Amino acid sequence: MARTERTDIHQSVTDRIIRELEAGTVPWVCPWSRAKCGIALPRNAATDRAYCGINILMLWGSVEMQGFSTQKWLTFRQAHAQGGNVRKGEKGTTVFYADRFTPKSEAGSDEPRQIPFLKRFTV
């Protein structure tokens, strides 16, 4: 991933938090009283894996702004794989996945070098 793309990811999260602060919303406080769904951590509907980190704040914000009735999320491909569809014109919420990998050339080494990476997905 090019360095400029990483900067864009960080900047997009920062811009969203600033927009919510300027609108009077505190993005790190879950808006349970205004949301139509119950108190819950956001989860992937296909894998039932809970989202973590900044993804929780981003998804809670989307639940509040869009008035969603659930904390279950799917990517476009996951929705189609489960027989669903996405309505034309819908906009998704960007979530992030960070991890590390060991290059194949380093796998047999005594101290393999791990390379961090960051991917974005739209749910």
PDB file of N, CA and C in Angstrom:
ATOM      1  N   MET A   1       0.861  -1.170   0.000  1.00  0.00           N
ATOM      2  CA  MET A   1       0.000   0.000   0.000  1.00  0.00           C
ATOM      3  C   MET A   1       0.907   1.232   0.000  1.00  0.00           C
ATOM      4  N   ALA A   2       0.625   2.167  -0.845  1.00  0.00           N
ATOM      5  CA  ALA A   2       1.426   3.375  -0.937  1.00  0.00           C
ATOM      6  C   ALA A   2       1.236   4.249   0.296  1.00  0.00           C
ATOM      7  N   ARG A   3       2.234   5.008   0.622  1.00  0.00           N
ATOM      8  CA  ARG A   3       2.199   5.863   1.809  1.00  0.00           C
ATOM      9  C   ARG A   3       1.049   6.868   1.755  1.00  0.00           C
ATOM     10  N   THR A   4       0.737   7.385   0.573  1.00  0.00           N
ATOM     11  CA  THR A   4      -0.344   8.367   0.464  1.00  0.00           C
ATOM     12  C   THR A   4      -1.691   7.754   0.812  1.00  0.00           C
ATOM     13  N   GLU A   5      -1.880   6.455   0.507  1.00  0.00           N
ATOM     14  CA  GLU A   5      -3.143   5.812   0.855  1.00  0.00           C
ATOM     15  C   GLU A   5      -3.299   5.701   2.362  1.00  0.00           C
ATOM     16  N   ARG A   6      -2.221   5.387   3.089  1.00  0.00           N
ATOM     17  CA  ARG A   6      -2.276   5.312   4.546  1.00  0.00           C
ATOM     18  C   ARG A   6      -2.657   6.661   5.130  1.00  0.00           C
ATOM     19  N   THR A   7      -2.072   7.716   4.603  1.00  0.00           N
ATOM     20  CA  THR A   7      -2.400   9.051   5.075  1.00  0.00           C
ATOM     21  C   THR A   7      -3.873   9.341   4.850  1.00  0.00           C
ATOM     22  N   ASP A   8      -4.423   8.939   3.710  1.00  0.00           N
ATOM     23  CA  ASP A   8      -5.836   9.171   3.419  1.00  0.00           C
ATOM     24  C   ASP A   8      -6.724   8.436   4.415  1.00  0.00           C
ATOM     25  N   ILE A   9      -6.380   7.219   4.790  1.00  0.00           N
ATOM     26  CA  ILE A   9      -7.170   6.450   5.747  1.00  0.00           C
ATOM     27  C   ILE A   9      -7.211   7.192   7.078  1.00  0.00           C
ATOM     28  N   HIS A  10      -6.067   7.594   7.573  1.00  0.00           N
ATOM     29  CA  HIS A  10      -5.999   8.298   8.858  1.00  0.00           C
ATOM     30  C   HIS A  10      -6.728   9.627   8.779  1.00  0.00           C
ATOM     31  N   GLN A  11      -6.568  10.305   7.648  1.00  0.00           N
ATOM     32  CA  GLN A  11      -7.212  11.608   7.486  1.00  0.00           C
ATOM     33  C   GLN A  11      -8.720  11.462   7.416  1.00  0.00           C
ATOM     34  N   SER A  12      -9.213  10.402   6.779  1.00  0.00           N
ATOM     35  CA  SER A  12     -10.667  10.240   6.682  1.00  0.00           C
ATOM     36  C   SER A  12     -11.294   9.996   8.049  1.00  0.00           C
ATOM     37  N   VAL A  13     -10.619   9.239   8.913  1.00  0.00           N
ATOM     38  CA  VAL A  13     -11.123   9.029  10.272  1.00  0.00           C
ATOM     39  C   VAL A  13     -11.096  10.345  11.042  1.00  0.00           C
ATOM     40  N   THR A  14      -9.993  11.069  10.946  1.00  0.00           N
ATOM     41  CA  THR A  14      -9.861  12.352  11.633  1.00  0.00           C
ATOM     42  C   THR A  14     -10.930  13.334  11.163  1.00  0.00           C
ATOM     43  N   ASP A  15     -11.142  13.409   9.854  1.00  0.00           N
ATOM     44  CA  ASP A  15     -12.154  14.324   9.309  1.00  0.00           C
ATOM     45  C   ASP A  15     -13.549  13.990   9.819  1.00  0.00           C
ATOM     46  N   ARG A  16     -13.860  12.708   9.910  1.00  0.00           N
ATOM     47  CA  ARG A  16     -15.193  12.317  10.389  1.00  0.00           C
ATOM     48  C   ARG A  16     -15.384  12.691  11.854  1.00  0.00           C
ATOM     49  N   ILE A  17     -14.379  12.461  12.672  1.00  0.00           N
ATOM     50  CA  ILE A  17     -14.472  12.814  14.089  1.00  0.00           C
ATOM     51  C   ILE A  17     -14.628  14.323  14.249  1.00  0.00           C
ATOM     52  N   ILE A  18     -13.888  15.093  13.485  1.00  0.00           N
ATOM     53  CA  ILE A  18     -13.991  16.554  13.550  1.00  0.00           C
ATOM     54  C   ILE A  18     -15.381  17.015  13.114  1.00  0.00           C
ATOM     55  N   ARG A  19     -15.933  16.418  12.026  1.00  0.00           N
ATOM     56  CA  ARG A  19     -17.292  16.773  11.580  1.00  0.00           C
ATOM     57  C   ARG A  19     -18.310  16.521  12.682  1.00  0.00           C
ATOM     58  N   GLU A  20     -18.175  15.375  13.361  1.00  0.00           N
ATOM     59  CA  GLU A  20     -19.131  15.048  14.420  1.00  0.00           C
ATOM     60  C   GLU A  20     -18.978  15.985  15.611  1.00  0.00           C
ATOM     61  N   LEU A  21     -17.748  16.355  15.944  1.00  0.00           N
ATOM     62  CA  LEU A  21     -17.531  17.303  17.039  1.00  0.00           C
ATOM     63  C   LEU A  21     -18.128  18.669  16.696  1.00  0.00           C
ATOM     64  N   GLU A  22     -17.915  19.117  15.468  1.00  0.00           N
ATOM     65  CA  GLU A  22     -18.461  20.408  15.047  1.00  0.00           C
ATOM     66  C   GLU A  22     -19.995  20.396  15.038  1.00  0.00           C
ATOM     67  N   ALA A  23     -20.580  19.220  14.789  1.00  0.00           N
ATOM     68  CA  ALA A  23     -22.041  19.100  14.785  1.00  0.00           C
ATOM     69  C   ALA A  23     -22.607  18.923  16.191  1.00  0.00           C
ATOM     70  N   GLY A  24     -21.719  18.870  17.185  1.00  0.00           N
ATOM     71  CA  GLY A  24     -22.176  18.732  18.562  1.00  0.00           C
ATOM     72  C   GLY A  24     -22.286  17.294  19.040  1.00  0.00           C
ATOM     73  N   THR A  25     -21.815  16.344  18.235  1.00  0.00           N
ATOM     74  CA  THR A  25     -21.854  14.928  18.604  1.00  0.00           C
ATOM     75  C   THR A  25     -20.490  14.537  19.164  1.00  0.00           C
ATOM     76  N   VAL A  26     -20.500  13.855  20.277  1.00  0.00           N
ATOM     77  CA  VAL A  26     -19.255  13.334  20.831  1.00  0.00           C
ATOM     78  C   VAL A  26     -19.139  11.891  20.345  1.00  0.00           C
ATOM     79  N   PRO A  27     -18.253  11.617  19.353  1.00  0.00           N
ATOM     80  CA  PRO A  27     -18.251  10.308  18.701  1.00  0.00           C
ATOM     81  C   PRO A  27     -17.804   9.143  19.580  1.00  0.00           C
ATOM     82  N   TRP A  28     -17.155   9.398  20.692  1.00  0.00           N
ATOM     83  CA  TRP A  28     -16.707   8.289  21.546  1.00  0.00           C
ATOM     84  C   TRP A  28     -17.724   7.955  22.632  1.00  0.00           C
ATOM     85  N   VAL A  29     -18.862   8.644  22.655  1.00  0.00           N
ATOM     86  CA  VAL A  29     -19.944   8.308  23.573  1.00  0.00           C
ATOM     87  C   VAL A  29     -21.044   7.648  22.745  1.00  0.00           C
ATOM     88  N   CYS A  30     -21.349   6.395  23.045  1.00  0.00           N
ATOM     89  CA  CYS A  30     -22.360   5.680  22.277  1.00  0.00           C
ATOM     90  C   CYS A  30     -23.733   6.324  22.512  1.00  0.00           C
ATOM     91  N   PRO A  31     -24.409   6.711  21.461  1.00  0.00           N
ATOM     92  CA  PRO A  31     -25.694   7.413  21.578  1.00  0.00           C
ATOM     93  C   PRO A  31     -26.872   6.453  21.772  1.00  0.00           C
ATOM     94  N   TRP A  32     -26.852   5.678  22.843  1.00  0.00           N
ATOM     95  CA  TRP A  32     -27.876   4.671  23.043  1.00  0.00           C
ATOM     96  C   TRP A  32     -29.272   5.255  23.115  1.00  0.00           C
ATOM     97  N   SER A  33     -29.417   6.435  23.670  1.00  0.00           N
ATOM     98  CA  SER A  33     -30.754   6.983  23.831  1.00  0.00           C
ATOM     99  C   SER A  33     -31.392   7.357  22.499  1.00  0.00           C
ATOM    100  N   ARG A  34     -30.599   7.664  21.481  1.00  0.00           N
ATOM    101  CA  ARG A  34     -31.159   8.076  20.201  1.00  0.00           C
ATOM    102  C   ARG A  34     -31.150   6.955  19.161  1.00  0.00           C
ATOM    103  N   ALA A  35     -30.342   5.943  19.364  1.00  0.00           N
ATOM    104  CA  ALA A  35     -30.251   4.864  18.382  1.00  0.00           C
ATOM    105  C   ALA A  35     -31.482   3.963  18.470  1.00  0.00           C
ATOM    106  N   LYS A  36     -31.872   3.406  17.340  1.00  0.00           N
ATOM    107  CA  LYS A  36     -33.025   2.516  17.305  1.00  0.00           C
ATOM    108  C   LYS A  36     -32.663   1.090  17.707  1.00  0.00           C
ATOM    109  N   CYS A  37     -31.368   0.798  17.801  1.00  0.00           N
ATOM    110  CA  CYS A  37     -30.966  -0.557  18.174  1.00  0.00           C
ATOM    111  C   CYS A  37     -30.518  -0.576  19.634  1.00  0.00           C
ATOM    112  N   GLY A  38     -30.451  -1.754  20.185  1.00  0.00           N
ATOM    113  CA  GLY A  38     -30.084  -1.899  21.584  1.00  0.00           C
ATOM    114  C   GLY A  38     -28.603  -1.663  21.832  1.00  0.00           C
ATOM    115  N   ILE A  39     -28.247  -1.737  23.103  1.00  0.00           N
ATOM    116  CA  ILE A  39     -26.855  -1.568  23.496  1.00  0.00           C
ATOM    117  C   ILE A  39     -26.088  -2.814  23.082  1.00  0.00           C
ATOM    118  N   ALA A  40     -25.164  -2.652  22.154  1.00  0.00           N
ATOM    119  CA  ALA A  40     -24.389  -3.793  21.676  1.00  0.00           C
ATOM    120  C   ALA A  40     -23.147  -3.305  20.955  1.00  0.00           C
ATOM    121  N   LEU A  41     -22.159  -4.157  20.916  1.00  0.00           N
ATOM    122  CA  LEU A  41     -20.981  -3.876  20.100  1.00  0.00           C
ATOM    123  C   LEU A  41     -21.295  -4.268  18.662  1.00  0.00           C
ATOM    124  N   PRO A  42     -20.802  -3.508  17.704  1.00  0.00           N
ATOM    125  CA  PRO A  42     -21.020  -3.875  16.303  1.00  0.00           C
ATOM    126  C   PRO A  42     -20.367  -5.221  15.994  1.00  0.00           C
ATOM    127  N   ARG A  43     -21.054  -6.042  15.194  1.00  0.00           N
ATOM    128  CA  ARG A  43     -20.547  -7.367  14.830  1.00  0.00           C
ATOM    129  C   ARG A  43     -20.729  -7.569  13.330  1.00  0.00           C
ATOM    130  N   ASN A  44     -19.872  -8.413  12.759  1.00  0.00           N
ATOM    131  CA  ASN A  44     -20.035  -8.819  11.375  1.00  0.00           C
ATOM    132  C   ASN A  44     -21.152  -9.858  11.337  1.00  0.00           C
ATOM    133  N   ALA A  45     -22.155  -9.642  10.521  1.00  0.00           N
ATOM    134  CA  ALA A  45     -23.315 -10.534  10.481  1.00  0.00           C
ATOM    135  C   ALA A  45     -22.985 -11.888   9.867  1.00  0.00           C
ATOM    136  N   ALA A  46     -21.959 -11.969   9.034  1.00  0.00           N
ATOM    137  CA  ALA A  46     -21.598 -13.239   8.397  1.00  0.00           C
ATOM    138  C   ALA A  46     -20.735 -14.103   9.306  1.00  0.00           C
ATOM    139  N   THR A  47     -19.810 -13.475  10.036  1.00  0.00           N
ATOM    140  CA  THR A  47     -18.848 -14.227  10.852  1.00  0.00           C
ATOM    141  C   THR A  47     -19.123 -14.138  12.340  1.00  0.00           C
ATOM    142  N   ASP A  48     -19.975 -13.221  12.749  1.00  0.00           N
ATOM    143  CA  ASP A  48     -20.295 -12.923  14.144  1.00  0.00           C
ATOM    144  C   ASP A  48     -19.078 -12.401  14.921  1.00  0.00           C
ATOM    145  N   ARG A  49     -18.071 -11.963  14.212  1.00  0.00           N
ATOM    146  CA  ARG A  49     -16.885 -11.403  14.848  1.00  0.00           C
ATOM    147  C   ARG A  49     -17.160  -9.953  15.246  1.00  0.00           C
ATOM    148  N   ALA A  50     -16.798  -9.597  16.477  1.00  0.00           N
ATOM    149  CA  ALA A  50     -17.016  -8.231  16.963  1.00  0.00           C
ATOM    150  C   ALA A  50     -15.977  -7.294  16.366  1.00  0.00           C
ATOM    151  N   TYR A  51     -16.401  -6.099  16.011  1.00  0.00           N
ATOM    152  CA  TYR A  51     -15.464  -5.079  15.556  1.00  0.00           C
ATOM    153  C   TYR A  51     -14.762  -4.501  16.773  1.00  0.00           C
ATOM    154  N   CYS A  52     -13.571  -3.946  16.573  1.00  0.00           N
ATOM    155  CA  CYS A  52     -12.823  -3.397  17.702  1.00  0.00           C
ATOM    156  C   CYS A  52     -12.161  -2.083  17.300  1.00  0.00           C
ATOM    157  N   GLY A  53     -11.590  -1.410  18.297  1.00  0.00           N
ATOM    158  CA  GLY A  53     -10.854  -0.176  18.056  1.00  0.00           C
ATOM    159  C   GLY A  53     -11.714   0.943  17.502  1.00  0.00           C
ATOM    160  N   ILE A  54     -11.128   1.698  16.596  1.00  0.00           N
ATOM    161  CA  ILE A  54     -11.801   2.854  16.006  1.00  0.00           C
ATOM    162  C   ILE A  54     -13.053   2.426  15.234  1.00  0.00           C
ATOM    163  N   ASN A  55     -13.096   1.163  14.784  1.00  0.00           N
ATOM    164  CA  ASN A  55     -14.268   0.671  14.052  1.00  0.00           C
ATOM    165  C   ASN A  55     -15.542   0.781  14.879  1.00  0.00           C
ATOM    166  N   ILE A  56     -15.448   0.550  16.180  1.00  0.00           N
ATOM    167  CA  ILE A  56     -16.631   0.648  17.036  1.00  0.00           C
ATOM    168  C   ILE A  56     -17.191   2.063  16.990  1.00  0.00           C
ATOM    169  N   LEU A  57     -16.321   3.048  17.117  1.00  0.00           N
ATOM    170  CA  LEU A  57     -16.772   4.448  17.092  1.00  0.00           C
ATOM    171  C   LEU A  57     -17.378   4.809  15.744  1.00  0.00           C
ATOM    172  N   MET A  58     -16.729   4.366  14.670  1.00  0.00           N
ATOM    173  CA  MET A  58     -17.222   4.679  13.336  1.00  0.00           C
ATOM    174  C   MET A  58     -18.605   4.050  13.100  1.00  0.00           C
ATOM    175  N   LEU A  59     -18.765   2.810  13.531  1.00  0.00           N
ATOM    176  CA  LEU A  59     -20.046   2.122  13.302  1.00  0.00           C
ATOM    177  C   LEU A  59     -21.145   2.644  14.220  1.00  0.00           C
ATOM    178  N   TRP A  60     -20.806   2.967  15.474  1.00  0.00           N
ATOM    179  CA  TRP A  60     -21.795   3.584  16.360  1.00  0.00           C
ATOM    180  C   TRP A  60     -22.283   4.896  15.767  1.00  0.00           C
ATOM    181  N   GLY A  61     -21.363   5.678  15.209  1.00  0.00           N
ATOM    182  CA  GLY A  61     -21.739   6.943  14.580  1.00  0.00           C
ATOM    183  C   GLY A  61     -22.680   6.731  13.412  1.00  0.00           C
ATOM    184  N   SER A  62     -22.422   5.705  12.605  1.00  0.00           N
ATOM    185  CA  SER A  62     -23.303   5.412  11.469  1.00  0.00           C
ATOM    186  C   SER A  62     -24.681   4.958  11.921  1.00  0.00           C
ATOM    187  N   VAL A  63     -24.726   4.162  12.999  1.00  0.00           N
ATOM    188  CA  VAL A  63     -26.019   3.723  13.540  1.00  0.00           C
ATOM    189  C   VAL A  63     -26.845   4.935  13.943  1.00  0.00           C
ATOM    190  N   GLU A  64     -26.195   5.891  14.607  1.00  0.00           N
ATOM    191  CA  GLU A  64     -26.923   7.084  15.049  1.00  0.00           C
ATOM    192  C   GLU A  64     -27.363   7.935  13.867  1.00  0.00           C
ATOM    193  N   MET A  65     -26.446   8.213  12.936  1.00  0.00           N
ATOM    194  CA  MET A  65     -26.758   9.100  11.817  1.00  0.00           C
ATOM    195  C   MET A  65     -27.790   8.505  10.866  1.00  0.00           C
ATOM    196  N   GLN A  66     -27.706   7.196  10.624  1.00  0.00           N
ATOM    197  CA  GLN A  66     -28.596   6.559   9.658  1.00  0.00           C
ATOM    198  C   GLN A  66     -29.856   5.967  10.294  1.00  0.00           C
ATOM    199  N   GLY A  67     -29.875   5.871  11.618  1.00  0.00           N
ATOM    200  CA  GLY A  67     -31.047   5.327  12.290  1.00  0.00           C
ATOM    201  C   GLY A  67     -31.215   3.829  12.100  1.00  0.00           C
ATOM    202  N   PHE A  68     -30.117   3.104  11.979  1.00  0.00           N
ATOM    203  CA  PHE A  68     -30.183   1.657  11.781  1.00  0.00           C
ATOM    204  C   PHE A  68     -30.761   0.975  13.018  1.00  0.00           C
ATOM    205  N   SER A  69     -31.394  -0.173  12.803  1.00  0.00           N
ATOM    206  CA  SER A  69     -32.034  -0.880  13.908  1.00  0.00           C
ATOM    207  C   SER A  69     -31.217  -2.074  14.404  1.00  0.00           C
ATOM    208  N   THR A  70     -30.013  -2.238  13.902  1.00  0.00           N
ATOM    209  CA  THR A  70     -29.178  -3.366  14.315  1.00  0.00           C
ATOM    210  C   THR A  70     -27.702  -2.966  14.309  1.00  0.00           C
ATOM    211  N   GLN A  71     -26.911  -3.733  15.023  1.00  0.00           N
ATOM    212  CA  GLN A  71     -25.461  -3.525  15.060  1.00  0.00           C
ATOM    213  C   GLN A  71     -24.753  -4.587  14.229  1.00  0.00           C
ATOM    214  N   LYS A  72     -25.447  -5.223  13.305  1.00  0.00           N
ATOM    215  CA  LYS A  72     -24.875  -6.250  12.426  1.00  0.00           C
ATOM    216  C   LYS A  72     -24.501  -5.609  11.097  1.00  0.00           C
ATOM    217  N   TRP A  73     -23.313  -5.937  10.599  1.00  0.00           N
ATOM    218  CA  TRP A  73     -22.780  -5.304   9.400  1.00  0.00           C
ATOM    219  C   TRP A  73     -22.280  -6.357   8.420  1.00  0.00           C
ATOM    220  N   LEU A  74     -22.388  -6.061   7.123  1.00  0.00           N
ATOM    221  CA  LEU A  74     -21.893  -6.933   6.051  1.00  0.00           C
ATOM    222  C   LEU A  74     -21.195  -6.090   4.995  1.00  0.00           C
ATOM    223  N   THR A  75     -20.197  -6.679   4.342  1.00  0.00           N
ATOM    224  CA  THR A  75     -19.642  -6.036   3.155  1.00  0.00           C
ATOM    225  C   THR A  75     -20.604  -6.323   1.998  1.00  0.00           C
ATOM    226  N   PHE A  76     -20.398  -5.674   0.888  1.00  0.00           N
ATOM    227  CA  PHE A  76     -21.230  -5.882  -0.296  1.00  0.00           C
ATOM    228  C   PHE A  76     -21.192  -7.358  -0.711  1.00  0.00           C
ATOM    229  N   ARG A  77     -19.998  -7.924  -0.762  1.00  0.00           N
ATOM    230  CA  ARG A  77     -19.848  -9.327  -1.177  1.00  0.00           C
ATOM    231  C   ARG A  77     -20.494 -10.285  -0.172  1.00  0.00           C
ATOM    232  N   GLN A  78     -20.355 -10.002   1.107  1.00  0.00           N
ATOM    233  CA  GLN A  78     -20.979 -10.862   2.113  1.00  0.00           C
ATOM    234  C   GLN A  78     -22.505 -10.830   1.990  1.00  0.00           C
ATOM    235  N   ALA A  79     -23.059  -9.666   1.713  1.00  0.00           N
ATOM    236  CA  ALA A  79     -24.516  -9.555   1.540  1.00  0.00           C
ATOM    237  C   ALA A  79     -24.977 -10.412   0.366  1.00  0.00           C
ATOM    238  N   HIS A  80     -24.275 -10.336  -0.756  1.00  0.00           N
ATOM    239  CA  HIS A  80     -24.641 -11.136  -1.928  1.00  0.00           C
ATOM    240  C   HIS A  80     -24.448 -12.624  -1.674  1.00  0.00           C
ATOM    241  N   ALA A  81     -23.390 -12.997  -0.975  1.00  0.00           N
ATOM    242  CA  ALA A  81     -23.126 -14.415  -0.676  1.00  0.00           C
ATOM    243  C   ALA A  81     -24.223 -15.010   0.198  1.00  0.00           C
ATOM    244  N   GLN A  82     -24.865 -14.176   1.008  1.00  0.00           N
ATOM    245  CA  GLN A  82     -25.930 -14.663   1.879  1.00  0.00           C
ATOM    246  C   GLN A  82     -27.318 -14.485   1.250  1.00  0.00           C
ATOM    247  N   GLY A  83     -27.335 -14.147  -0.036  1.00  0.00           N
ATOM    248  CA  GLY A  83     -28.611 -14.036  -0.742  1.00  0.00           C
ATOM    249  C   GLY A  83     -29.277 -12.682  -0.604  1.00  0.00           C
ATOM    250  N   GLY A  84     -28.577 -11.715  -0.050  1.00  0.00           N
ATOM    251  CA  GLY A  84     -29.137 -10.379   0.114  1.00  0.00           C
ATOM    252  C   GLY A  84     -28.705  -9.453  -0.998  1.00  0.00           C
ATOM    253  N   ASN A  85     -29.051  -8.196  -0.853  1.00  0.00           N
ATOM    254  CA  ASN A  85     -28.610  -7.184  -1.808  1.00  0.00           C
ATOM    255  C   ASN A  85     -28.453  -5.858  -1.081  1.00  0.00           C
ATOM    256  N   VAL A  86     -27.880  -4.914  -1.777  1.00  0.00           N
ATOM    257  CA  VAL A  86     -27.691  -3.573  -1.236  1.00  0.00           C
ATOM    258  C   VAL A  86     -28.506  -2.630  -2.110  1.00  0.00           C
ATOM    259  N   ARG A  87     -29.324  -1.817  -1.475  1.00  0.00           N
ATOM    260  CA  ARG A  87     -30.173  -0.894  -2.227  1.00  0.00           C
ATOM    261  C   ARG A  87     -29.320   0.104  -3.010  1.00  0.00           C
ATOM    262  N   LYS A  88     -29.744   0.404  -4.208  1.00  0.00           N
ATOM    263  CA  LYS A  88     -29.046   1.357  -5.059  1.00  0.00           C
ATOM    264  C   LYS A  88     -28.954   2.705  -4.351  1.00  0.00           C
ATOM    265  N   GLY A  89     -27.777   3.301  -4.376  1.00  0.00           N
ATOM    266  CA  GLY A  89     -27.567   4.607  -3.773  1.00  0.00           C
ATOM    267  C   GLY A  89     -27.128   4.574  -2.313  1.00  0.00           C
ATOM    268  N   GLU A  90     -27.142   3.398  -1.685  1.00  0.00           N
ATOM    269  CA  GLU A  90     -26.711   3.296  -0.283  1.00  0.00           C
ATOM    270  C   GLU A  90     -25.219   3.577  -0.174  1.00  0.00           C
ATOM    271  N   LYS A  91     -24.837   4.188   0.907  1.00  0.00           N
ATOM    272  CA  LYS A  91     -23.426   4.478   1.191  1.00  0.00           C
ATOM    273  C   LYS A  91     -22.995   3.643   2.378  1.00  0.00           C
ATOM    274  N   GLY A  92     -21.809   3.087   2.302  1.00  0.00           N
ATOM    275  CA  GLY A  92     -21.300   2.253   3.383  1.00  0.00           C
ATOM    276  C   GLY A  92     -20.462   3.049   4.372  1.00  0.00           C
ATOM    277  N   THR A  93     -20.027   2.358   5.407  1.00  0.00           N
ATOM    278  CA  THR A  93     -19.145   2.914   6.420  1.00  0.00           C
ATOM    279  C   THR A  93     -17.811   2.195   6.306  1.00  0.00           C
ATOM    280  N   THR A  94     -16.731   2.945   6.310  1.00  0.00           N
ATOM    281  CA  THR A  94     -15.407   2.353   6.197  1.00  0.00           C
ATOM    282  C   THR A  94     -14.942   1.845   7.549  1.00  0.00           C
ATOM    283  N   VAL A  95     -14.461   0.597   7.564  1.00  0.00           N
ATOM    284  CA  VAL A  95     -13.845   0.013   8.750  1.00  0.00           C
ATOM    285  C   VAL A  95     -12.435  -0.421   8.373  1.00  0.00           C
ATOM    286  N   PHE A  96     -11.612  -0.660   9.385  1.00  0.00           N
ATOM    287  CA  PHE A  96     -10.202  -0.940   9.151  1.00  0.00           C
ATOM    288  C   PHE A  96      -9.771  -2.243   9.798  1.00  0.00           C
ATOM    289  N   TYR A  97      -8.821  -2.906   9.156  1.00  0.00           N
ATOM    290  CA  TYR A  97      -8.240  -4.137   9.689  1.00  0.00           C
ATOM    291  C   TYR A  97      -6.724  -3.963   9.682  1.00  0.00           C
ATOM    292  N   ALA A  98      -6.122  -4.087  10.847  1.00  0.00           N
ATOM    293  CA  ALA A  98      -4.668  -3.957  10.968  1.00  0.00           C
ATOM    294  C   ALA A  98      -4.101  -5.279  11.469  1.00  0.00           C
ATOM    295  N   ASP A  99      -2.982  -5.678  10.894  1.00  0.00           N
ATOM    296  CA  ASP A  99      -2.327  -6.916  11.312  1.00  0.00           C
ATOM    297  C   ASP A  99      -0.871  -6.862  10.841  1.00  0.00           C
ATOM    298  N   ARG A 100      -0.180  -7.960  10.997  1.00  0.00           N
ATOM    299  CA  ARG A 100       1.204  -8.089  10.539  1.00  0.00           C
ATOM    300  C   ARG A 100       1.330  -9.391   9.766  1.00  0.00           C
ATOM    301  N   PHE A 101       2.282  -9.427   8.843  1.00  0.00           N
ATOM    302  CA  PHE A 101       2.561 -10.685   8.156  1.00  0.00           C
ATOM    303  C   PHE A 101       4.071 -10.872   8.075  1.00  0.00           C
ATOM    304  N   THR A 102       4.466 -12.134   7.955  1.00  0.00           N
ATOM    305  CA  THR A 102       5.871 -12.495   7.827  1.00  0.00           C
ATOM    306  C   THR A 102       6.119 -12.893   6.377  1.00  0.00           C
ATOM    307  N   PRO A 103       7.030 -12.208   5.678  1.00  0.00           N
ATOM    308  CA  PRO A 103       7.321 -12.589   4.291  1.00  0.00           C
ATOM    309  C   PRO A 103       7.840 -14.024   4.226  1.00  0.00           C
ATOM    310  N   LYS A 104       7.537 -14.729   3.140  1.00  0.00           N
ATOM    311  CA  LYS A 104       7.970 -16.116   2.982  1.00  0.00           C
ATOM    312  C   LYS A 104       9.484 -16.252   3.101  1.00  0.00           C
ATOM    313  N   SER A 105      10.212 -15.261   2.616  1.00  0.00           N
ATOM    314  CA  SER A 105      11.675 -15.324   2.677  1.00  0.00           C
ATOM    315  C   SER A 105      12.196 -15.255   4.112  1.00  0.00           C
ATOM    316  N   GLU A 106      11.394 -14.754   5.034  1.00  0.00           N
ATOM    317  CA  GLU A 106      11.794 -14.609   6.436  1.00  0.00           C
ATOM    318  C   GLU A 106      11.264 -15.738   7.317  1.00  0.00           C
ATOM    319  N   ALA A 107      10.389 -16.573   6.793  1.00  0.00           N
ATOM    320  CA  ALA A 107       9.674 -17.559   7.604  1.00  0.00           C
ATOM    321  C   ALA A 107      10.604 -18.515   8.352  1.00  0.00           C
ATOM    322  N   GLY A 108      11.709 -18.949   7.763  1.00  0.00           N
ATOM    323  CA  GLY A 108      12.601 -19.903   8.414  1.00  0.00           C
ATOM    324  C   GLY A 108      13.673 -19.260   9.269  1.00  0.00           C
ATOM    325  N   SER A 109      13.703 -17.974   9.330  1.00  0.00           N
ATOM    326  CA  SER A 109      14.733 -17.235  10.061  1.00  0.00           C
ATOM    327  C   SER A 109      14.533 -17.344  11.576  1.00  0.00           C
ATOM    328  N   ASP A 110      15.626 -17.134  12.351  1.00  0.00           N
ATOM    329  CA  ASP A 110      15.534 -17.168  13.813  1.00  0.00           C
ATOM    330  C   ASP A 110      14.632 -16.061  14.352  1.00  0.00           C
ATOM    331  N   GLU A 111      14.771 -14.879  13.809  1.00  0.00           N
ATOM    332  CA  GLU A 111      13.934 -13.743  14.202  1.00  0.00           C
ATOM    333  C   GLU A 111      13.296 -13.155  12.950  1.00  0.00           C
ATOM    334  N   PRO A 112      12.179 -13.749  12.515  1.00  0.00           N
ATOM    335  CA  PRO A 112      11.558 -13.269  11.275  1.00  0.00           C
ATOM    336  C   PRO A 112      11.037 -11.840  11.421  1.00  0.00           C
ATOM    337  N   ARG A 113      11.224 -11.091  10.359  1.00  0.00           N
ATOM    338  CA  ARG A 113      10.756  -9.702  10.325  1.00  0.00           C
ATOM    339  C   ARG A 113       9.273  -9.707   9.997  1.00  0.00           C
ATOM    340  N   GLN A 114       8.495  -8.969  10.762  1.00  0.00           N
ATOM    341  CA  GLN A 114       7.064  -8.857  10.496  1.00  0.00           C
ATOM    342  C   GLN A 114       6.768  -7.475   9.939  1.00  0.00           C
ATOM    343  N   ILE A 115       5.903  -7.442   8.964  1.00  0.00           N
ATOM    344  CA  ILE A 115       5.549  -6.192   8.298  1.00  0.00           C
ATOM    345  C   ILE A 115       4.095  -5.854   8.641  1.00  0.00           C
ATOM    346  N   PRO A 116       3.857  -4.681   9.239  1.00  0.00           N
ATOM    347  CA  PRO A 116       2.475  -4.294   9.550  1.00  0.00           C
ATOM    348  C   PRO A 116       1.737  -3.851   8.286  1.00  0.00           C
ATOM    349  N   PHE A 117       0.422  -4.076   8.271  1.00  0.00           N
ATOM    350  CA  PHE A 117      -0.387  -3.590   7.161  1.00  0.00           C
ATOM    351  C   PHE A 117      -1.750  -3.133   7.674  1.00  0.00           C
ATOM    352  N   LEU A 118      -2.387  -2.302   6.883  1.00  0.00           N
ATOM    353  CA  LEU A 118      -3.696  -1.750   7.219  1.00  0.00           C
ATOM    354  C   LEU A 118      -4.573  -1.855   5.977  1.00  0.00           C
ATOM    355  N   LYS A 119      -5.736  -2.483   6.118  1.00  0.00           N
ATOM    356  CA  LYS A 119      -6.682  -2.614   5.007  1.00  0.00           C
ATOM    357  C   LYS A 119      -7.980  -1.927   5.389  1.00  0.00           C
ATOM    358  N   ARG A 120      -8.674  -1.441   4.402  1.00  0.00           N
ATOM    359  CA  ARG A 120      -9.986  -0.843   4.646  1.00  0.00           C
ATOM    360  C   ARG A 120     -11.054  -1.635   3.919  1.00  0.00           C
ATOM    361  N   PHE A 121     -12.219  -1.676   4.547  1.00  0.00           N
ATOM    362  CA  PHE A 121     -13.379  -2.350   3.982  1.00  0.00           C
ATOM    363  C   PHE A 121     -14.577  -1.432   4.155  1.00  0.00           C
ATOM    364  N   THR A 122     -15.549  -1.583   3.282  1.00  0.00           N
ATOM    365  CA  THR A 122     -16.786  -0.826   3.408  1.00  0.00           C
ATOM    366  C   THR A 122     -17.887  -1.791   3.808  1.00  0.00           C
ATOM    367  N   VAL A 123     -18.569  -1.462   4.914  1.00  0.00           N
ATOM    368  CA  VAL A 123     -19.672  -2.302   5.399  1.00  0.00           C
ATOM    369  C   VAL A 123     -20.959  -1.493   5.389  1.00  0.00           C
TER     370      VAL A 123
END
